[in-house]
Protein backbone atom coordinates (compact mmCIF):
# COMPACT_ATOMS: atom_id res chain seq x y z
CA UNK A 1 -5.89 -19.48 -44.34
CA UNK A 2 -7.75 -18.55 -47.45
CA UNK A 3 -5.35 -14.96 -47.40
CA UNK A 4 -2.06 -17.26 -47.67
CA UNK A 5 -2.84 -18.20 -50.96
CA UNK A 6 -3.79 -15.14 -52.37
CA UNK A 7 -0.76 -13.34 -51.05
CA UNK A 8 1.17 -16.14 -52.70
CA UNK A 9 -0.70 -15.56 -56.02
CA UNK A 10 0.10 -11.42 -55.76
CA UNK A 11 3.70 -11.93 -54.97
CA UNK A 12 4.15 -14.48 -58.04
CA UNK A 13 2.32 -12.04 -60.37
CA UNK A 14 4.22 -8.92 -59.09
CA UNK A 15 7.31 -11.14 -60.04
CA UNK A 16 6.25 -11.74 -63.65
CA UNK A 17 5.35 -7.99 -64.40
CA UNK A 18 8.61 -6.81 -62.76
CA UNK A 19 9.33 -4.05 -61.12
CA UNK A 20 7.60 -0.52 -61.59
CA UNK A 21 9.44 2.37 -63.37
CA UNK A 22 9.76 4.31 -60.08
CA UNK A 23 10.66 1.23 -58.31
CA UNK A 24 13.38 0.98 -61.34
CA UNK A 25 14.87 4.30 -61.10
CA UNK A 26 14.77 4.21 -57.07
CA UNK A 27 17.06 1.08 -57.33
CA UNK A 28 19.15 2.97 -59.86
CA UNK A 29 19.70 5.73 -57.97
CA UNK A 30 20.61 3.48 -54.60
CA UNK A 31 23.17 1.80 -56.77
CA UNK A 32 24.91 5.21 -57.98
CA UNK A 33 24.71 6.11 -54.23
CA UNK A 34 26.38 2.82 -53.01
CA UNK A 35 29.04 3.54 -55.88
CA UNK A 36 29.58 7.08 -54.99
CA UNK A 37 30.02 6.15 -51.01
CA UNK A 38 32.56 2.82 -52.79
CA UNK A 39 34.60 5.71 -54.56
CA UNK A 40 35.00 8.13 -51.84
CA UNK A 41 35.70 5.45 -49.32
CA UNK A 42 38.30 3.77 -51.68
CA UNK A 43 39.83 7.07 -52.35
CA UNK A 44 40.31 8.86 -48.87
CA UNK A 45 41.68 5.09 -47.42
CA UNK A 46 44.28 4.70 -50.47
CA UNK A 47 45.52 8.46 -49.42
CA UNK A 48 45.09 7.82 -45.89
CA UNK A 49 47.32 4.46 -45.89
CA UNK A 50 49.91 5.69 -48.56
CA UNK A 51 50.55 8.74 -46.27
CA UNK A 52 51.31 6.53 -43.23
CA UNK A 53 53.34 3.69 -45.59
CA UNK A 54 55.32 7.33 -46.79
CA UNK A 55 56.23 8.29 -43.04
CA UNK A 56 56.68 4.98 -42.10
CA UNK A 57 59.51 4.53 -44.85
CA UNK A 58 61.11 7.89 -43.88
CA UNK A 59 59.90 8.84 -47.87
CA UNK A 60 58.11 11.80 -47.00
CA UNK A 61 60.25 14.31 -48.39
CA UNK A 62 60.06 12.61 -51.68
CA UNK A 63 56.40 12.63 -51.61
CA UNK A 64 56.24 15.92 -50.69
CA UNK A 65 58.23 17.59 -53.00
CA UNK A 66 55.77 16.23 -55.83
CA UNK A 67 53.11 18.08 -54.53
CA UNK A 68 52.22 21.93 -55.27
CA UNK A 69 50.74 21.98 -51.37
CA UNK A 70 50.84 20.47 -48.17
CA UNK A 71 48.11 17.74 -48.58
CA UNK A 72 45.23 17.60 -45.69
CA UNK A 73 45.99 14.92 -42.86
CA UNK A 74 44.79 11.44 -43.69
CA UNK A 75 42.47 11.38 -40.71
CA UNK A 76 40.92 14.55 -41.20
CA UNK A 77 40.18 13.97 -44.82
CA UNK A 78 38.92 10.32 -44.26
CA UNK A 79 36.41 11.82 -41.21
CA UNK A 80 35.40 14.97 -43.14
CA UNK A 81 34.49 13.32 -46.54
CA UNK A 82 32.45 10.59 -44.38
CA UNK A 83 30.40 13.61 -42.58
CA UNK A 84 29.76 14.86 -46.24
CA UNK A 85 28.29 11.88 -47.40
CA UNK A 86 25.99 10.97 -45.00
CA UNK A 87 24.87 14.55 -44.72
CA UNK A 88 23.87 14.15 -48.58
CA UNK A 89 22.47 10.76 -47.34
CA UNK A 90 20.23 12.51 -44.97
CA UNK A 91 19.09 15.02 -47.34
CA UNK A 92 18.01 12.36 -49.69
CA UNK A 93 16.34 10.45 -47.14
CA UNK A 94 14.24 13.44 -46.05
CA UNK A 95 12.93 14.41 -49.03
CA UNK A 96 12.05 11.00 -50.10
CA UNK A 97 9.89 11.02 -46.66
CA UNK A 98 8.53 14.45 -46.53
CA UNK A 99 5.09 14.70 -47.58
CA UNK A 100 5.11 18.10 -48.54
CA UNK A 101 8.23 20.44 -49.53
CA UNK A 102 7.78 23.73 -50.84
CA UNK A 103 9.67 24.90 -54.02
CA UNK A 104 11.65 27.28 -52.12
CA UNK A 105 12.77 24.71 -49.85
CA UNK A 106 13.34 22.12 -52.98
CA UNK A 107 15.82 24.46 -54.08
CA UNK A 108 17.68 25.39 -50.85
CA UNK A 109 17.78 21.40 -50.73
CA UNK A 110 19.38 21.26 -54.38
CA UNK A 111 22.03 24.26 -53.53
CA UNK A 112 22.73 22.19 -50.75
CA UNK A 113 23.35 19.13 -52.60
CA UNK A 114 25.91 21.14 -54.79
CA UNK A 115 27.84 22.76 -52.05
CA UNK A 116 28.24 19.19 -50.23
CA UNK A 117 29.23 17.74 -53.69
CA UNK A 118 31.97 20.55 -54.10
CA UNK A 119 33.29 20.11 -50.62
CA UNK A 120 33.59 16.51 -51.15
CA UNK A 121 35.54 16.99 -54.47
CA UNK A 122 37.48 19.39 -52.54
CA UNK A 123 38.94 16.92 -49.69
CA UNK A 124 39.00 14.52 -52.58
CA UNK A 125 41.18 16.61 -54.29
CA UNK A 126 38.90 16.21 -57.66
CA UNK A 127 40.33 12.87 -58.13
CA UNK A 128 36.76 11.82 -58.99
CA UNK A 129 33.60 13.91 -60.25
CA UNK A 130 30.76 10.87 -59.95
CA UNK A 131 29.70 13.08 -57.07
CA UNK A 132 28.32 15.53 -59.35
CA UNK A 133 26.24 12.73 -61.54
CA UNK A 134 24.37 11.81 -58.19
CA UNK A 135 23.39 15.56 -57.97
CA UNK A 136 22.21 15.27 -61.68
CA UNK A 137 19.71 12.55 -60.68
CA UNK A 138 18.48 14.38 -57.43
CA UNK A 139 17.32 17.65 -59.60
CA UNK A 140 15.85 15.06 -62.47
CA UNK A 141 14.05 13.57 -59.34
CA UNK A 142 13.09 16.68 -56.82
CA UNK A 143 12.89 19.46 -59.03
CA UNK A 144 9.37 19.38 -60.70
CA UNK A 145 9.56 23.01 -62.17
CA UNK A 146 10.72 22.42 -65.87
CA UNK A 147 12.87 25.66 -66.16
CA UNK A 148 14.31 25.59 -62.75
CA UNK A 149 15.36 21.88 -63.64
CA UNK A 150 17.19 23.11 -67.08
CA UNK A 151 18.94 25.77 -65.31
CA UNK A 152 20.41 23.71 -62.53
CA UNK A 153 21.30 21.26 -65.02
CA UNK A 154 23.34 23.46 -67.23
CA UNK A 155 24.66 24.61 -63.93
CA UNK A 156 25.87 21.17 -63.13
CA UNK A 157 27.17 20.52 -66.47
CA UNK A 158 29.40 23.97 -66.39
CA UNK A 159 30.66 22.80 -62.81
CA UNK A 160 31.65 19.27 -64.26
CA UNK A 161 33.25 21.30 -67.23
CA UNK A 162 35.40 23.50 -65.52
CA UNK A 163 36.11 22.05 -61.81
CA UNK A 164 39.64 20.14 -62.87
CA UNK A 165 42.65 19.69 -61.08
CA UNK A 166 44.94 20.91 -63.05
CA UNK A 167 42.67 24.70 -63.27
CA UNK A 168 42.15 24.85 -59.57
CA UNK A 169 45.28 23.31 -58.09
CA UNK A 170 47.20 26.72 -58.47
CA UNK A 171 44.43 28.68 -56.38
CA UNK A 172 43.29 25.82 -53.88
CA UNK A 173 45.21 23.81 -51.36
CA UNK A 174 44.99 20.66 -53.76
CA UNK A 175 47.31 17.82 -54.45
CA UNK A 176 47.50 15.05 -57.08
CA UNK A 177 45.69 11.79 -56.13
CA UNK A 178 47.64 10.29 -59.02
CA UNK A 179 50.97 11.13 -57.32
CA UNK A 180 50.36 8.88 -54.35
CA UNK A 181 49.95 6.15 -56.77
CA UNK A 182 53.32 7.00 -58.12
CA UNK A 183 54.59 5.66 -54.71
CA UNK A 184 53.68 2.12 -55.21
CA UNK A 185 55.56 -0.31 -57.65
CA UNK A 186 54.10 -0.62 -61.26
CA UNK A 187 52.18 -3.86 -60.35
CA UNK A 188 50.19 -1.98 -57.57
CA UNK A 189 49.65 0.96 -59.42
CA UNK A 190 48.38 -0.81 -62.43
CA UNK A 191 46.15 -2.96 -60.24
CA UNK A 192 44.87 0.45 -58.21
CA UNK A 193 44.14 2.37 -61.52
CA UNK A 194 42.32 -0.86 -63.04
CA UNK A 195 40.22 -0.74 -59.61
CA UNK A 196 39.44 3.25 -60.06
CA UNK A 197 38.30 2.81 -63.70
CA UNK A 198 36.04 -0.22 -63.19
CA UNK A 199 34.53 2.31 -60.29
CA UNK A 200 34.39 5.27 -62.49
CA UNK A 201 33.08 3.02 -65.32
CA UNK A 202 30.22 1.21 -63.37
CA UNK A 203 29.19 4.94 -61.85
CA UNK A 204 28.97 6.03 -65.42
CA UNK A 205 26.90 3.05 -66.86
CA UNK A 206 24.30 3.49 -63.64
CA UNK A 207 24.21 7.14 -64.33
CA UNK A 208 23.62 6.35 -68.15
CA UNK A 209 20.89 3.67 -67.28
CA UNK A 210 19.06 6.17 -64.79
CA UNK A 211 18.94 8.85 -67.61
CA UNK A 212 17.38 6.14 -70.10
CA UNK A 213 14.84 4.88 -67.79
CA UNK A 214 13.99 9.05 -66.95
CA UNK A 215 13.43 9.39 -70.52
CA UNK A 216 11.57 6.55 -71.40
CA UNK A 217 9.22 7.45 -67.97
CA UNK A 218 8.77 10.82 -69.31
CA UNK A 219 8.00 9.30 -72.83
CA UNK A 220 5.28 6.99 -71.48
CA UNK A 221 3.73 10.29 -69.05
CA UNK A 222 3.61 12.18 -72.25
CA UNK A 223 1.74 9.51 -74.07
CA UNK A 224 -0.72 8.91 -70.97
CA UNK A 225 -1.52 12.41 -70.69
CA UNK A 226 -1.85 12.84 -74.48
CA UNK A 227 -4.13 9.63 -74.37
CA UNK A 228 -6.32 11.39 -71.47
CA UNK A 229 -6.64 14.64 -72.94
CA UNK A 230 -7.82 13.11 -76.33
CA UNK A 231 -10.20 11.05 -74.21
CA UNK A 232 -11.01 14.38 -72.71
CA UNK A 233 -11.78 15.93 -75.63
CA UNK A 234 -14.03 13.21 -76.90
CA UNK A 235 -15.70 13.57 -73.78
CA UNK A 236 -16.03 16.87 -74.25
CA UNK A 237 -17.40 16.97 -77.58
CA UNK A 238 -20.33 14.31 -76.51
CA UNK A 239 -21.22 16.32 -73.73
CA UNK A 240 -21.48 19.80 -75.71
CA UNK A 241 -23.34 17.55 -78.42
CA UNK A 242 -25.82 16.16 -75.81
CA UNK A 243 -26.12 19.68 -74.05
CA UNK A 244 -27.16 21.00 -77.66
CA UNK A 245 -29.59 17.71 -78.00
CA UNK A 246 -30.99 18.64 -74.59
CA UNK A 247 -31.57 22.21 -75.52
CA UNK A 248 -33.25 21.10 -78.50
CA UNK A 249 -35.33 18.63 -76.87
CA UNK A 250 -35.97 21.35 -74.12
CA UNK A 251 -37.38 23.94 -76.58
CA UNK A 252 -39.28 21.20 -78.60
CA UNK A 253 -40.83 20.11 -75.09
CA UNK A 254 -41.82 24.17 -74.47
CA UNK A 255 -43.15 24.32 -77.82
CA UNK A 256 -45.06 21.06 -77.30
CA UNK A 257 -46.56 22.72 -73.90
CA UNK A 258 -47.28 25.90 -75.46
CA UNK A 259 -49.23 24.37 -78.23
CA UNK A 260 -51.37 21.89 -75.60
CA UNK A 261 -51.94 24.99 -73.72
CA UNK A 262 -53.12 26.70 -76.54
CA UNK A 263 -55.10 23.91 -78.07
CA UNK A 264 -56.59 23.82 -74.42
CA UNK A 265 -57.72 27.57 -74.01
CA UNK A 266 -59.02 27.33 -77.52
CA UNK A 267 -61.13 24.17 -76.50
CA UNK A 268 -62.15 26.20 -73.41
CA UNK A 269 -63.00 29.08 -75.12
CA UNK A 270 -65.01 27.16 -77.43
CA UNK A 271 -66.89 25.13 -74.82
CA UNK A 272 -67.81 27.81 -72.21
CA UNK A 273 -67.03 31.39 -73.57
CA UNK A 274 -68.72 30.30 -76.90
CA UNK A 275 -71.46 28.56 -75.30
CA UNK A 276 -72.31 32.14 -73.10
CA UNK A 277 -71.89 34.23 -76.52
CA UNK A 278 -74.29 31.87 -78.11
CA UNK A 279 -77.23 32.12 -75.25
CA UNK A 280 -76.36 36.07 -74.72
CA UNK A 281 -76.93 35.74 -78.58
CA UNK A 282 -80.37 34.12 -78.17
CA UNK A 283 -81.27 36.16 -75.11
CA UNK A 284 -81.02 39.68 -77.30
CA UNK A 285 -83.09 38.09 -79.92
CA UNK A 286 -85.93 37.15 -77.66
CA UNK A 287 -85.53 40.35 -75.93
CA UNK A 288 -85.99 42.36 -79.26
CA UNK A 289 -88.99 40.16 -79.84
CA UNK A 290 -90.72 41.00 -76.36
CA UNK A 291 -89.72 44.91 -76.49
CA UNK A 292 -92.62 45.66 -78.14
CA UNK A 293 -96.05 43.36 -76.55
CA UNK A 294 -94.48 42.27 -73.57
CA UNK A 295 -92.33 44.54 -71.31
CA UNK A 296 -92.62 41.79 -68.46
CA UNK A 297 -91.01 38.80 -70.44
CA UNK A 298 -88.30 41.48 -71.68
CA UNK A 299 -87.42 42.28 -68.26
CA UNK A 300 -87.02 38.75 -67.20
CA UNK A 301 -85.09 38.08 -70.30
CA UNK A 302 -82.85 40.82 -69.55
CA UNK A 303 -82.31 39.55 -66.06
CA UNK A 304 -81.06 36.05 -67.57
CA UNK A 305 -78.68 37.83 -70.33
CA UNK A 306 -76.92 39.95 -67.35
CA UNK A 307 -76.64 36.80 -65.46
CA UNK A 308 -75.30 34.91 -68.38
CA UNK A 309 -73.04 37.78 -68.87
CA UNK A 310 -71.63 37.70 -65.35
CA UNK A 311 -71.00 34.25 -65.79
CA UNK A 312 -69.21 34.56 -68.81
CA UNK A 313 -66.67 37.24 -67.63
CA UNK A 314 -65.61 35.23 -64.50
CA UNK A 315 -64.85 32.46 -66.55
CA UNK A 316 -62.85 35.05 -68.84
CA UNK A 317 -61.25 36.31 -65.94
CA UNK A 318 -60.04 32.96 -64.62
CA UNK A 319 -58.27 31.79 -68.32
CA UNK A 320 -56.35 35.04 -68.01
CA UNK A 321 -55.33 34.51 -64.61
CA UNK A 322 -54.39 30.85 -65.81
CA UNK A 323 -51.88 32.58 -68.46
CA UNK A 324 -50.22 34.85 -65.93
CA UNK A 325 -47.61 33.59 -63.50
CA UNK A 326 -48.75 32.85 -60.20
CA UNK A 327 -46.89 35.14 -58.35
CA UNK A 328 -48.49 37.89 -60.51
CA UNK A 329 -51.93 36.78 -59.83
CA UNK A 330 -51.72 37.14 -55.96
CA UNK A 331 -49.21 40.33 -55.82
CA UNK A 332 -47.86 43.20 -58.18
CA UNK A 333 -44.96 43.14 -60.23
CA UNK A 334 -42.72 45.13 -57.74
CA UNK A 335 -44.16 42.57 -54.93
CA UNK A 336 -43.28 39.67 -56.71
CA UNK A 337 -39.89 40.46 -57.30
CA UNK A 338 -39.61 41.51 -53.71
CA UNK A 339 -40.64 37.54 -53.06
CA UNK A 340 -38.21 36.51 -55.29
CA UNK A 341 -35.41 38.45 -53.35
CA UNK A 342 -36.72 37.21 -50.16
CA UNK A 343 -36.34 33.48 -51.34
CA UNK A 344 -33.13 33.55 -52.80
CA UNK A 345 -31.55 35.76 -49.47
CA UNK A 346 -33.45 33.47 -47.08
CA UNK A 347 -31.69 29.99 -48.59
CA UNK A 348 -28.47 31.43 -49.73
CA UNK A 349 -25.51 33.43 -48.72
CA UNK A 350 -26.08 35.68 -51.88
CA UNK A 351 -27.06 39.21 -51.02
CA UNK A 352 -29.73 40.31 -53.07
CA UNK A 353 -31.39 43.91 -53.65
CA UNK A 354 -34.08 45.45 -56.01
CA UNK A 355 -34.54 48.94 -56.34
CA UNK A 356 -37.19 51.03 -58.46
CA UNK A 357 -36.38 54.25 -60.12
CA UNK A 358 -38.93 56.93 -61.95
CA UNK A 359 -42.57 57.20 -61.20
CA UNK A 360 -44.33 53.53 -61.52
CA UNK A 361 -47.21 53.27 -63.59
CA UNK A 362 -49.21 50.21 -64.96
CA UNK A 363 -47.72 48.02 -67.50
CA UNK A 364 -49.08 45.92 -70.47
CA UNK A 365 -49.80 42.56 -69.31
CA UNK A 366 -47.30 40.78 -71.55
CA UNK A 367 -44.75 43.23 -70.56
CA UNK A 368 -45.37 42.60 -66.92
CA UNK A 369 -45.32 38.95 -67.23
CA UNK A 370 -42.13 39.32 -69.05
CA UNK A 371 -40.30 41.29 -66.66
CA UNK A 372 -41.06 39.01 -63.81
CA UNK A 373 -39.93 36.41 -65.97
CA UNK A 374 -36.53 38.42 -66.83
CA UNK A 375 -36.06 38.65 -63.10
CA UNK A 376 -36.46 34.98 -62.24
CA UNK A 377 -34.54 33.83 -65.06
CA UNK A 378 -31.71 36.19 -63.92
CA UNK A 379 -31.29 35.49 -60.36
CA UNK A 380 -31.90 31.38 -61.14
CA UNK A 381 -28.85 32.09 -63.99
CA UNK A 382 -26.45 33.77 -61.39
CA UNK A 383 -26.93 31.46 -58.35
CA UNK A 384 -26.78 28.13 -60.93
CA UNK A 385 -23.86 29.36 -63.10
CA UNK A 386 -21.65 31.23 -60.56
CA UNK A 387 -21.05 32.01 -57.05
CA UNK A 388 -22.45 35.31 -56.54
CA UNK A 389 -22.12 37.60 -53.25
CA UNK A 390 -24.30 40.30 -54.39
CA UNK A 391 -27.26 40.27 -57.01
CA UNK A 392 -28.60 43.41 -57.52
CA UNK A 393 -31.65 44.09 -60.12
CA UNK A 394 -33.29 47.65 -60.79
CA UNK A 395 -36.11 48.62 -62.46
CA UNK A 396 -36.22 52.04 -64.23
CA UNK A 397 -39.75 53.92 -65.24
CA UNK A 398 -38.92 56.28 -68.22
CA UNK A 399 -41.86 58.34 -69.90
CA UNK A 400 -43.08 55.48 -71.87
CA UNK A 401 -39.57 52.84 -71.63
CA UNK A 402 -39.04 50.18 -69.36
CA UNK A 403 -35.60 49.38 -68.41
CA UNK A 404 -34.58 46.37 -66.27
CA UNK A 405 -30.96 45.89 -65.08
CA UNK A 406 -29.47 42.91 -63.22
CA UNK A 407 -25.85 42.54 -62.25
CA UNK A 408 -24.04 39.75 -60.51
CA UNK A 409 -20.58 39.40 -59.74
CA UNK A 410 -19.09 35.55 -58.75
CA UNK A 411 -18.03 34.70 -62.10
CA UNK A 412 -14.76 32.53 -62.85
CA UNK A 413 -14.13 33.77 -66.11
CA UNK A 414 -15.14 36.27 -68.74
CA UNK A 415 -15.95 33.29 -71.41
CA UNK A 416 -20.01 32.98 -70.99
CA UNK A 417 -21.56 31.29 -73.38
CA UNK A 418 -25.65 32.67 -74.01
CA UNK A 419 -27.53 29.24 -72.83
CA UNK A 420 -31.60 28.45 -73.21
CA UNK A 421 -32.53 31.06 -71.00
CA UNK A 422 -30.21 33.97 -72.24
CA UNK A 423 -31.40 32.91 -75.92
CA UNK A 424 -35.20 32.61 -75.33
CA UNK A 425 -35.22 36.36 -73.25
CA UNK A 426 -33.40 37.96 -76.25
CA UNK A 427 -35.76 36.62 -78.74
CA UNK A 428 -38.61 37.91 -76.19
CA UNK A 429 -37.21 40.86 -76.30
CA UNK A 430 -37.13 41.46 -80.10
CA UNK A 431 -40.54 40.54 -80.22
CA UNK A 432 -41.52 43.55 -78.14
CA UNK A 433 -39.02 45.83 -80.45
CA UNK A 434 -36.86 46.21 -77.27
CA UNK A 435 -33.15 45.95 -77.06
CA UNK A 436 -31.23 43.07 -75.29
CA UNK A 437 -27.75 43.39 -73.78
CA UNK A 438 -25.71 40.98 -71.79
CA UNK A 439 -21.91 41.58 -70.95
CA UNK A 440 -19.20 40.50 -68.38
CA UNK A 441 -16.60 43.38 -67.07
CA UNK A 442 -13.21 42.90 -66.53
CA UNK A 443 -13.96 42.85 -62.61
CA UNK A 444 -15.74 39.77 -63.78
CA UNK A 445 -19.51 40.96 -63.11
CA UNK A 446 -21.75 39.66 -65.20
CA UNK A 447 -24.45 42.50 -66.51
CA UNK A 448 -27.81 42.16 -68.16
CA UNK A 449 -30.04 44.90 -69.57
CA UNK A 450 -33.46 44.93 -70.85
CA UNK A 451 -35.24 47.79 -72.47
CA UNK A 452 -38.69 47.75 -73.54
CA UNK A 453 -40.44 50.77 -75.76
CA UNK A 454 -43.99 51.58 -74.85
CA UNK A 455 -44.07 49.85 -71.80
CA UNK A 456 -47.28 51.86 -70.52
CA UNK A 457 -51.03 50.34 -70.43
CA UNK A 458 -53.16 52.53 -72.08
CA UNK A 459 -56.23 50.00 -72.15
CA UNK A 460 -57.61 50.25 -68.13
CA UNK A 461 -60.17 47.98 -69.29
CA UNK A 462 -57.48 44.99 -69.63
CA UNK A 463 -56.59 45.55 -66.28
CA UNK A 464 -59.91 45.88 -64.91
CA UNK A 465 -60.60 42.49 -66.87
CA UNK A 466 -58.14 40.43 -65.23
CA UNK A 467 -59.26 41.68 -61.68
CA UNK A 468 -61.77 40.32 -59.36
């Protein structure tokens, strides 16, 4: 019971709002369709009735003498015009109900409309060209491609201009519709003329209304699209601004994290390493005092200094390891990158490969850590910003230069805007006095190349200090 008032309220509100633009266009097209049928029916019945009346009055010779050719039999005229019109009606009904029609099939239907219209004109002896107006409405409704729509409309306009009884009657089996009207008396002829003109005028008015509403609907749609584009542009600008602010916020957070880590390390060095160095210094002074008069005390003091030095060395190693990526604390650079490759290959359909060229050598610690970050960021960027099928990483060892290159496919276009990761990577390469290159090939492949000079490690003690 509760649904009843709601349905009535919805019905009344729909009446107050009026029909939608599409409903108005459909109603106008249906009216034009009915008017075409009325005109065809009126014309063919008038010809059939007149022909039978002429034959019953034995005035066929008088009528035929006014024609340039033998007319089509009345029964055939009515039958063919009705069949053709209902065939056109079927084509319109099919296109209205079909969920999808390909552009090629749509063009076929339009040319079928034109062919049916021309045949109807032939059976009506080109006495009325209103059927062409119906074909124009079909083109406006069903043809979506703008270029094809204008071409077909231009074709129909040419047909409307050049299809004329006086032009075609000398070449085709046509006869004058008005010759039939001349058979009737003046009063009947005037009534028939008036009926014909009224139907022609109504059909033309309906067609003009259709074009007005079609243009209005097009303008409303254009306005709506402009408003949507404007809203989309504003949203894009806001999103771009938010991305910039987010990047700046992320950069500030990173700087704050670095500063916090530096402060923590400074406190740790001050509290632990400074304490050990102070103790070592005091132990050395005691040793210097005992070196001349108490050898046993000297030995004990040196043992204590050695113990403190070992503890200090352990703490230094721990601090250095905390600065390095966890993967590099457990594996070498090559093994760490291999683990990255295996992780991505295991959890995605992307084929990732890693190759090494040249004779490898020990790298400076900072460069080794940076190369690992480059591999990590490159794989993450490729998976996050595209849908790659292949990611190829290559590490090339030259005499005193290291080249790291990354290639991945899966890009959608050639426009790649450097984000925070690439920008930070470039600035880091410049700190090493290296070269950074990022580009997109016509085959939509992204290429990244990092070249670091003087990458070979020369201080072996640095390496030993970082090992257990």
